[in-house]
C-alpha atoms as a PDB file:
ATOM      1  CA  MET A   1       1.649  43.654  77.721  1.00  0.00           C
ATOM      2  CA  ASP A   2       3.846  45.749  79.830  1.00  0.00           C
ATOM      3  CA  SER A   3       2.567  49.075  80.457  1.00  0.00           C
ATOM      4  CA  PHE A   4       3.840  52.330  78.306  1.00  0.00           C
ATOM      5  CA  ASP A   5       3.221  55.717  79.675  1.00  0.00           C
ATOM      6  CA  PRO A   6       5.722  58.195  78.708  1.00  0.00           C
ATOM      7  CA  PRO A   7       5.951  61.858  79.748  1.00  0.00           C
ATOM      8  CA  ILE A   8       3.232  64.102  77.945  1.00  0.00           C
ATOM      9  CA  SER A   9       5.604  66.783  76.593  1.00  0.00           C
ATOM     10  CA  LEU A  10       7.275  64.020  74.608  1.00  0.00           C
ATOM     11  CA  THR A  11       4.167  62.560  73.315  1.00  0.00           C
ATOM     12  CA  ILE A  12       2.912  65.693  72.011  1.00  0.00           C
ATOM     13  CA  SER A  13       6.738  66.301  70.442  1.00  0.00           C
ATOM     14  CA  PHE A  14       5.967  62.934  68.910  1.00  0.00           C
ATOM     15  CA  ILE A  15       2.814  63.936  67.428  1.00  0.00           C
ATOM     16  CA  ILE A  16       4.044  67.389  66.287  1.00  0.00           C
ATOM     17  CA  LEU A  17       7.181  65.669  64.589  1.00  0.00           C
ATOM     18  CA  THR A  18       4.831  63.148  62.611  1.00  0.00           C
ATOM     19  CA  LEU A  19       2.059  65.557  61.715  1.00  0.00           C
ATOM     20  CA  SER A  20       4.924  67.910  60.245  1.00  0.00           C
ATOM     21  CA  LEU A  21       6.689  64.957  58.498  1.00  0.00           C
ATOM     22  CA  VAL A  22       3.233  64.086  56.888  1.00  0.00           C
ATOM     23  CA  THR A  23       2.525  67.532  55.984  1.00  0.00           C
ATOM     24  CA  VAL A  24       5.763  67.671  54.187  1.00  0.00           C
ATOM     25  CA  GLU A  25       5.058  64.259  52.344  1.00  0.00           C
ATOM     26  CA  VAL A  26       1.705  65.950  51.352  1.00  0.00           C
ATOM     27  CA  TRP A  27       3.395  69.194  50.007  1.00  0.00           C
ATOM     28  CA  LEU A  28       5.967  66.953  48.044  1.00  0.00           C
ATOM     29  CA  VAL A  29       3.009  65.417  46.266  1.00  0.00           C
ATOM     30  CA  ARG A  30       1.179  68.615  45.256  1.00  0.00           C
ATOM     31  CA  THR A  31       4.560  69.648  43.916  1.00  0.00           C
ATOM     32  CA  VAL A  32       5.071  67.069  41.760  1.00  0.00           C
ATOM     33  CA  ALA A  33       1.413  66.724  40.619  1.00  0.00           C
ATOM     34  CA  PRO A  34       0.987  67.262  36.659  1.00  0.00           C
ATOM     35  CA  THR A  35      -0.506  70.731  35.269  1.00  0.00           C
ATOM     36  CA  GLY A  36      -3.722  70.857  36.107  1.00  0.00           C
ATOM     37  CA  ARG A  37      -3.945  68.097  38.774  1.00  0.00           C
ATOM     38  CA  THR A  38      -2.479  69.816  41.713  1.00  0.00           C
ATOM     39  CA  ALA A  39      -5.566  70.297  43.581  1.00  0.00           C
ATOM     40  CA  SER A  40      -6.941  66.562  43.023  1.00  0.00           C
ATOM     41  CA  TRP A  41      -3.060  65.210  43.984  1.00  0.00           C
ATOM     42  CA  ARG A  42      -3.243  67.048  47.099  1.00  0.00           C
ATOM     43  CA  ASN A  43      -6.760  66.317  48.180  1.00  0.00           C
ATOM     44  CA  ARG A  44      -6.018  62.614  47.438  1.00  0.00           C
ATOM     45  CA  ALA A  45      -2.869  62.640  49.501  1.00  0.00           C
ATOM     46  CA  VAL A  46      -4.538  64.176  52.314  1.00  0.00           C
ATOM     47  CA  GLY A  47      -7.241  61.738  52.328  1.00  0.00           C
ATOM     48  CA  ALA A  48      -4.849  58.732  52.185  1.00  0.00           C
ATOM     49  CA  ALA A  49      -2.629  60.360  54.805  1.00  0.00           C
ATOM     50  CA  ALA A  50      -5.370  60.814  57.295  1.00  0.00           C
ATOM     51  CA  ALA A  51      -6.704  57.458  56.650  1.00  0.00           C
ATOM     52  CA  TRP A  52      -3.321  55.767  57.176  1.00  0.00           C
ATOM     53  CA  LEU A  53      -2.894  57.464  60.483  1.00  0.00           C
ATOM     54  CA  ILE A  54      -6.137  56.704  61.689  1.00  0.00           C
ATOM     55  CA  THR A  55      -6.058  53.192  60.427  1.00  0.00           C
ATOM     56  CA  HIS A  56      -2.811  52.025  61.830  1.00  0.00           C
ATOM     57  CA  ALA A  57      -3.580  54.110  65.406  1.00  0.00           C
ATOM     58  CA  LEU A  58      -6.644  51.833  65.464  1.00  0.00           C
ATOM     59  CA  VAL A  59      -4.749  48.573  64.903  1.00  0.00           C
ATOM     60  CA  ALA A  60      -2.397  49.387  67.691  1.00  0.00           C
ATOM     61  CA  GLU A  61      -5.342  50.132  70.196  1.00  0.00           C
ATOM     62  CA  SER A  62      -7.060  46.902  68.960  1.00  0.00           C
ATOM     63  CA  GLY A  63      -4.497  45.044  70.563  1.00  0.00           C
ATOM     64  CA  VAL A  64      -4.028  42.628  67.736  1.00  0.00           C
ATOM     65  CA  LEU A  65      -0.095  43.310  67.455  1.00  0.00           C
ATOM     66  CA  GLU A  66       0.521  42.040  70.592  1.00  0.00           C
ATOM     67  CA  ILE A  67      -0.785  38.622  70.016  1.00  0.00           C
ATOM     68  CA  ASP A  68       2.532  36.426  70.270  1.00  0.00           C
ATOM     69  CA  THR A  69       2.242  33.803  67.563  1.00  0.00           C
ATOM     70  CA  LEU A  70       4.828  32.066  65.445  1.00  0.00           C
ATOM     71  CA  PRO A  71       5.581  33.945  63.598  1.00  0.00           C
ATOM     72  CA  PRO A  72       4.832  37.124  65.497  1.00  0.00           C
ATOM     73  CA  THR A  73       2.117  39.347  64.431  1.00  0.00           C
ATOM     74  CA  ILE A  74       3.741  42.531  64.485  1.00  0.00           C
ATOM     75  CA  PRO A  75       6.445  41.429  61.832  1.00  0.00           C
ATOM     76  CA  VAL A  76       4.061  40.127  59.213  1.00  0.00           C
ATOM     77  CA  TYR A  77       2.111  43.572  59.657  1.00  0.00           C
ATOM     78  CA  TRP A  78       4.994  45.673  59.106  1.00  0.00           C
ATOM     79  CA  ILE A  79       5.793  43.769  56.229  1.00  0.00           C
ATOM     80  CA  ALA A  80       2.747  44.066  54.710  1.00  0.00           C
ATOM     81  CA  THR A  81       2.639  47.698  55.383  1.00  0.00           C
ATOM     82  CA  MET A  82       6.090  48.293  54.095  1.00  0.00           C
ATOM     83  CA  THR A  83       4.847  46.435  51.108  1.00  0.00           C
ATOM     84  CA  PHE A  84       2.830  49.980  50.108  1.00  0.00           C
ATOM     85  CA  SER A  85       5.875  51.560  50.139  1.00  0.00           C
ATOM     86  CA  VAL A  86       7.492  49.696  47.073  1.00  0.00           C
ATOM     87  CA  MET A  87       3.955  50.181  45.604  1.00  0.00           C
ATOM     88  CA  LEU A  88       4.174  53.719  45.921  1.00  0.00           C
ATOM     89  CA  VAL A  89       7.924  54.029  44.612  1.00  0.00           C
ATOM     90  CA  ARG A  90       6.662  51.920  41.452  1.00  0.00           C
ATOM     91  CA  SER A  91       3.633  54.100  40.648  1.00  0.00           C
ATOM     92  CA  THR A  92       3.263  57.153  38.757  1.00  0.00           C
ATOM     93  CA  VAL A  93       3.372  59.054  41.936  1.00  0.00           C
ATOM     94  CA  GLY A  94       6.377  57.565  42.618  1.00  0.00           C
ATOM     95  CA  LYS A  95       7.813  58.472  39.266  1.00  0.00           C
ATOM     96  CA  GLN A  96       7.325  61.896  39.570  1.00  0.00           C
ATOM     97  CA  LEU A  97       8.824  62.220  43.077  1.00  0.00           C
ATOM     98  CA  SER A  98      11.714  60.422  42.239  1.00  0.00           C
ATOM     99  CA  MET A  99      12.327  63.402  39.674  1.00  0.00           C
ATOM    100  CA  LEU A 100      12.687  65.736  42.372  1.00  0.00           C
ATOM    101  CA  PRO A 101      16.209  67.429  42.824  1.00  0.00           C
ATOM    102  CA  LEU A 102      18.382  64.609  44.995  1.00  0.00           C
ATOM    103  CA  GLY A 103      19.113  67.377  47.506  1.00  0.00           C
ATOM    104  CA  ILE A 104      15.437  67.296  48.537  1.00  0.00           C
ATOM    105  CA  LEU A 105      15.123  63.437  48.605  1.00  0.00           C
ATOM    106  CA  VAL A 106      18.233  63.446  50.650  1.00  0.00           C
ATOM    107  CA  GLY A 107      17.566  66.157  52.714  1.00  0.00           C
ATOM    108  CA  LEU A 108      14.031  64.873  53.762  1.00  0.00           C
ATOM    109  CA  MET A 109      16.119  62.378  55.957  1.00  0.00           C
ATOM    110  CA  ALA A 110      17.110  64.770  58.212  1.00  0.00           C
ATOM    111  CA  TYR A 111      13.849  64.180  60.038  1.00  0.00           C
ATOM    112  CA  ARG A 112      15.501  61.547  61.637  1.00  0.00           C
ATOM    113  CA  LEU A 113      17.631  63.487  63.786  1.00  0.00           C
ATOM    114  CA  PRO A 114      14.716  64.939  65.725  1.00  0.00           C
ATOM    115  CA  LEU A 115      13.302  61.590  65.692  1.00  0.00           C
ATOM    116  CA  GLU A 116      16.452  60.167  67.374  1.00  0.00           C
ATOM    117  CA  ILE A 117      16.619  62.699  69.969  1.00  0.00           C
ATOM    118  CA  LEU A 118      13.188  61.777  71.054  1.00  0.00           C
ATOM    119  CA  LEU A 119      13.975  58.099  71.244  1.00  0.00           C
ATOM    120  CA  HIS A 120      17.021  59.201  73.466  1.00  0.00           C
ATOM    121  CA  LEU A 121      14.678  61.246  75.698  1.00  0.00           C
ATOM    122  CA  LEU A 122      12.408  58.414  76.195  1.00  0.00           C
ATOM    123  CA  TYR A 123      15.171  56.157  77.224  1.00  0.00           C
ATOM    124  CA  GLU A 124      16.027  58.971  79.622  1.00  0.00           C
ATOM    125  CA  SER A 125      12.736  58.977  81.091  1.00  0.00           C
ATOM    126  CA  GLY A 126      12.798  54.970  81.272  1.00  0.00           C
ATOM    127  CA  ASP A 127      10.549  53.929  78.524  1.00  0.00           C
ATOM    128  CA  LEU A 128      12.986  52.555  76.074  1.00  0.00           C
ATOM    129  CA  PRO A 129      16.118  50.267  76.696  1.00  0.00           C
ATOM    130  CA  VAL A 130      19.611  51.536  75.896  1.00  0.00           C
ATOM    131  CA  GLN A 131      19.785  49.778  72.418  1.00  0.00           C
ATOM    132  CA  MET A 132      17.199  51.870  70.918  1.00  0.00           C
ATOM    133  CA  THR A 133      19.446  54.865  71.073  1.00  0.00           C
ATOM    134  CA  TRP A 134      22.843  56.338  70.073  1.00  0.00           C
ATOM    135  CA  SER A 135      24.068  55.299  73.491  1.00  0.00           C
ATOM    136  CA  GLY A 136      23.376  51.682  72.467  1.00  0.00           C
ATOM    137  CA  ARG A 137      23.017  49.969  69.007  1.00  0.00           C
ATOM    138  CA  ASN A 138      20.962  52.410  67.266  1.00  0.00           C
ATOM    139  CA  TRP A 139      22.952  54.872  65.314  1.00  0.00           C
ATOM    140  CA  ASP A 140      20.512  56.347  62.579  1.00  0.00           C
ATOM    141  CA  VAL A 141      21.224  59.296  64.208  1.00  0.00           C
ATOM    142  CA  ILE A 142      23.882  59.491  61.638  1.00  0.00           C
ATOM    143  CA  THR A 143      21.532  59.393  58.652  1.00  0.00           C
ATOM    144  CA  GLY A 144      19.426  62.252  60.108  1.00  0.00           C
ATOM    145  CA  VAL A 145      22.733  64.358  60.528  1.00  0.00           C
ATOM    146  CA  LEU A 146      24.273  63.735  57.070  1.00  0.00           C
ATOM    147  CA  GLY A 147      20.851  64.144  55.563  1.00  0.00           C
ATOM    148  CA  LEU A 148      20.590  67.630  57.053  1.00  0.00           C
ATOM    149  CA  ILE A 149      24.513  68.414  55.818  1.00  0.00           C
ATOM    150  CA  LEU A 150      23.955  67.317  52.548  1.00  0.00           C
ATOM    151  CA  GLY A 151      20.537  68.665  52.153  1.00  0.00           C
ATOM    152  CA  VAL A 152      21.952  72.189  52.983  1.00  0.00           C
ATOM    153  CA  VAL A 153      25.090  71.599  50.739  1.00  0.00           C
ATOM    154  CA  SER A 154      22.565  70.814  47.777  1.00  0.00           C
ATOM    155  CA  ILE A 155      21.358  74.561  47.977  1.00  0.00           C
ATOM    156  CA  TRP A 156      24.590  75.508  46.673  1.00  0.00           C
ATOM    157  CA  ARG A 157      25.960  72.641  44.575  1.00  0.00           C
ATOM    158  CA  VAL A 158      24.699  69.445  42.852  1.00  0.00           C
ATOM    159  CA  LEU A 159      25.342  66.485  44.964  1.00  0.00           C
ATOM    160  CA  PRO A 160      27.790  63.956  43.218  1.00  0.00           C
ATOM    161  CA  TRP A 161      26.090  60.751  42.237  1.00  0.00           C
ATOM    162  CA  GLY A 162      28.407  58.683  44.018  1.00  0.00           C
ATOM    163  CA  LEU A 163      28.217  60.239  47.146  1.00  0.00           C
ATOM    164  CA  VAL A 164      24.480  60.037  47.375  1.00  0.00           C
ATOM    165  CA  LEU A 165      24.618  56.405  46.474  1.00  0.00           C
ATOM    166  CA  ALA A 166      27.074  55.960  49.439  1.00  0.00           C
ATOM    167  CA  PHE A 167      24.609  57.932  51.754  1.00  0.00           C
ATOM    168  CA  ASN A 168      21.442  55.965  50.718  1.00  0.00           C
ATOM    169  CA  VAL A 169      23.147  52.698  51.162  1.00  0.00           C
ATOM    170  CA  LEU A 170      24.375  53.832  54.694  1.00  0.00           C
ATOM    171  CA  GLY A 171      21.066  54.931  55.698  1.00  0.00           C
ATOM    172  CA  LEU A 172      19.140  51.871  54.413  1.00  0.00           C
ATOM    173  CA  ALA A 173      21.660  49.775  56.313  1.00  0.00           C
ATOM    174  CA  LEU A 174      21.180  51.739  59.717  1.00  0.00           C
ATOM    175  CA  LEU A 175      17.187  51.778  58.996  1.00  0.00           C
ATOM    176  CA  LEU A 176      17.277  47.863  58.902  1.00  0.00           C
ATOM    177  CA  ASN A 177      19.712  47.653  61.999  1.00  0.00           C
ATOM    178  CA  VAL A 178      17.232  49.561  64.104  1.00  0.00           C
ATOM    179  CA  VAL A 179      13.921  48.023  62.818  1.00  0.00           C
ATOM    180  CA  THR A 180      16.037  44.339  63.939  1.00  0.00           C
ATOM    181  CA  ILE A 181      16.574  45.819  67.326  1.00  0.00           C
ATOM    182  CA  THR A 182      13.192  47.108  67.972  1.00  0.00           C
ATOM    183  CA  LEU A 183      11.731  43.527  67.020  1.00  0.00           C
ATOM    184  CA  LEU A 184      14.556  41.863  69.206  1.00  0.00           C
ATOM    185  CA  SER A 185      13.786  44.127  72.129  1.00  0.00           C
ATOM    186  CA  ALA A 186      10.023  43.812  71.931  1.00  0.00           C
ATOM    187  CA  PRO A 187       8.132  41.434  74.624  1.00  0.00           C
ATOM    188  CA  LEU A 188       7.778  38.507  72.002  1.00  0.00           C
ATOM    189  CA  SER A 189       8.869  34.950  71.465  1.00  0.00           C
ATOM    190  CA  ILE A 190      11.733  36.153  69.340  1.00  0.00           C
ATOM    191  CA  ARG A 191      13.042  38.782  72.000  1.00  0.00           C
ATOM    192  CA  GLN A 192      16.809  38.342  72.221  1.00  0.00           C
ATOM    193  CA  PHE A 193      17.556  41.784  74.316  1.00  0.00           C
ATOM    194  CA  LEU A 194      16.398  40.873  77.524  1.00  0.00           C
ATOM    195  CA  ASN A 195      17.120  44.055  79.450  1.00  0.00           C
ATOM    196  CA  ASP A 196      14.257  46.343  80.778  1.00  0.00           C
ATOM    197  CA  PRO A 197      12.411  47.959  79.763  1.00  0.00           C
ATOM    198  CA  PRO A 198      11.051  46.152  76.519  1.00  0.00           C
ATOM    199  CA  VAL A 199      10.082  47.747  73.457  1.00  0.00           C
ATOM    200  CA  VAL A 200       6.293  48.240  73.705  1.00  0.00           C
ATOM    201  CA  LEU A 201       6.062  51.608  72.311  1.00  0.00           C
ATOM    202  CA  VAL A 202       5.136  49.889  68.819  1.00  0.00           C
ATOM    203  CA  PHE A 203       2.049  48.649  70.485  1.00  0.00           C
ATOM    204  CA  HIS A 204       0.446  51.559  71.449  1.00  0.00           C
ATOM    205  CA  ALA A 205      -1.158  54.784  69.650  1.00  0.00           C
ATOM    206  CA  PRO A 206       0.356  57.267  68.464  1.00  0.00           C
ATOM    207  CA  TYR A 207       3.769  55.749  69.085  1.00  0.00           C
ATOM    208  CA  ASN A 208       3.121  52.921  66.681  1.00  0.00           C
ATOM    209  CA  TRP A 209       3.268  55.600  63.856  1.00  0.00           C
ATOM    210  CA  ILE A 210       6.977  55.237  64.437  1.00  0.00           C
ATOM    211  CA  VAL A 211       7.137  52.268  62.145  1.00  0.00           C
ATOM    212  CA  ASN A 212       4.002  53.081  59.805  1.00  0.00           C
ATOM    213  CA  VAL A 213       5.002  56.797  59.294  1.00  0.00           C
ATOM    214  CA  HIS A 214       8.597  57.206  60.318  1.00  0.00           C
ATOM    215  CA  VAL A 215      10.021  54.168  59.335  1.00  0.00           C
ATOM    216  CA  TRP A 216       7.839  53.783  56.116  1.00  0.00           C
ATOM    217  CA  THR A 217       9.166  57.260  55.164  1.00  0.00           C
ATOM    218  CA  ALA A 218      12.672  56.155  55.555  1.00  0.00           C
ATOM    219  CA  LEU A 219      11.953  53.249  53.432  1.00  0.00           C
ATOM    220  CA  THR A 220      10.017  55.172  50.623  1.00  0.00           C
ATOM    221  CA  GLY A 221      12.805  57.653  50.754  1.00  0.00           C
ATOM    222  CA  HIS A 222      15.610  55.451  50.438  1.00  0.00           C
ATOM    223  CA  LEU A 223      13.638  53.304  47.299  1.00  0.00           C
ATOM    224  CA  LEU A 224      12.927  56.762  45.553  1.00  0.00           C
ATOM    225  CA  ILE A 225      16.401  57.801  45.909  1.00  0.00           C
ATOM    226  CA  PHE A 226      17.605  54.459  44.311  1.00  0.00           C
ATOM    227  CA  ARG A 227      15.136  54.988  41.487  1.00  0.00           C
ATOM    228  CA  ALA A 228      16.319  58.546  41.106  1.00  0.00           C
ATOM    229  CA  LEU A 229      20.025  57.347  40.864  1.00  0.00           C
ATOM    230  CA  SER A 230      18.954  54.693  38.575  1.00  0.00           C
ATOM    231  CA  ALA A 231      17.289  57.312  36.211  1.00  0.00           C
ATOM    232  CA  ARG A 232      20.197  59.584  36.312  1.00  0.00           C
ATOM    233  CA  ARG A 233      22.809  57.229  35.705  1.00  0.00           C
ATOM    234  CA  GLY A 234      20.945  56.106  32.647  1.00  0.00           C
ATOM    235  CA  HIS A 235      20.686  59.334  31.242  1.00  0.00           C
ATOM    236  CA  HIS A 236      24.310  59.925  31.826  1.00  0.00           C
ATOM    237  CA  ASP A 237      25.134  56.758  30.116  1.00  0.00           C
ATOM    238  CA  ALA A 238      23.128  57.342  27.166  1.00  0.00           C
ATOM    239  CA  ALA A 239      24.912  60.703  26.824  1.00  0.00           C
END
């Protein structure tokens, strides 16, 4: 497997961004906890988050994701990982989270802006191919910018249902786009983008968290927004 040795400053920045995002997620779980269960929900969220980060880092470092079978190991692994996103959204915790103000759920997506900046810096340092950035085929920065703008706007006014739906569909499409580019740029048998360097950060800790934390959060967030919109439309129709 190709080596991956990005600048330490970028690695530290990525770790800080990841841990900050996880901290916000734990805080949101604590916020929606039923009365009298705040501490238990918080403790479970912290424990689950720690286990999640450590487990996925160990899996990456084991080298098992680099095994190039047909189908390749990594997309199967990712699908299994993302299944937990669906499970969470359908759970009691997911129901509570979907009841948060739409502005919070949409505003959370603003984390994709600094993430895309980091990806562009990794491209400039020679550790990512151009298609993984906004200079190439990855336009997920749009989701981050719109999430930030709509999140700020929601402080003063309620976001229209249709606007949030449009944002969510666009954000999900851009997410699927970058995941596809990542897979087709990795040094696997399914690789289609042959320019150097190949995408190998997903095979190395802590950068594999880009999928298991950042992509997972984006997918979970979009599904929560869809659930929230469905509930709000149902209440509107009943009225």
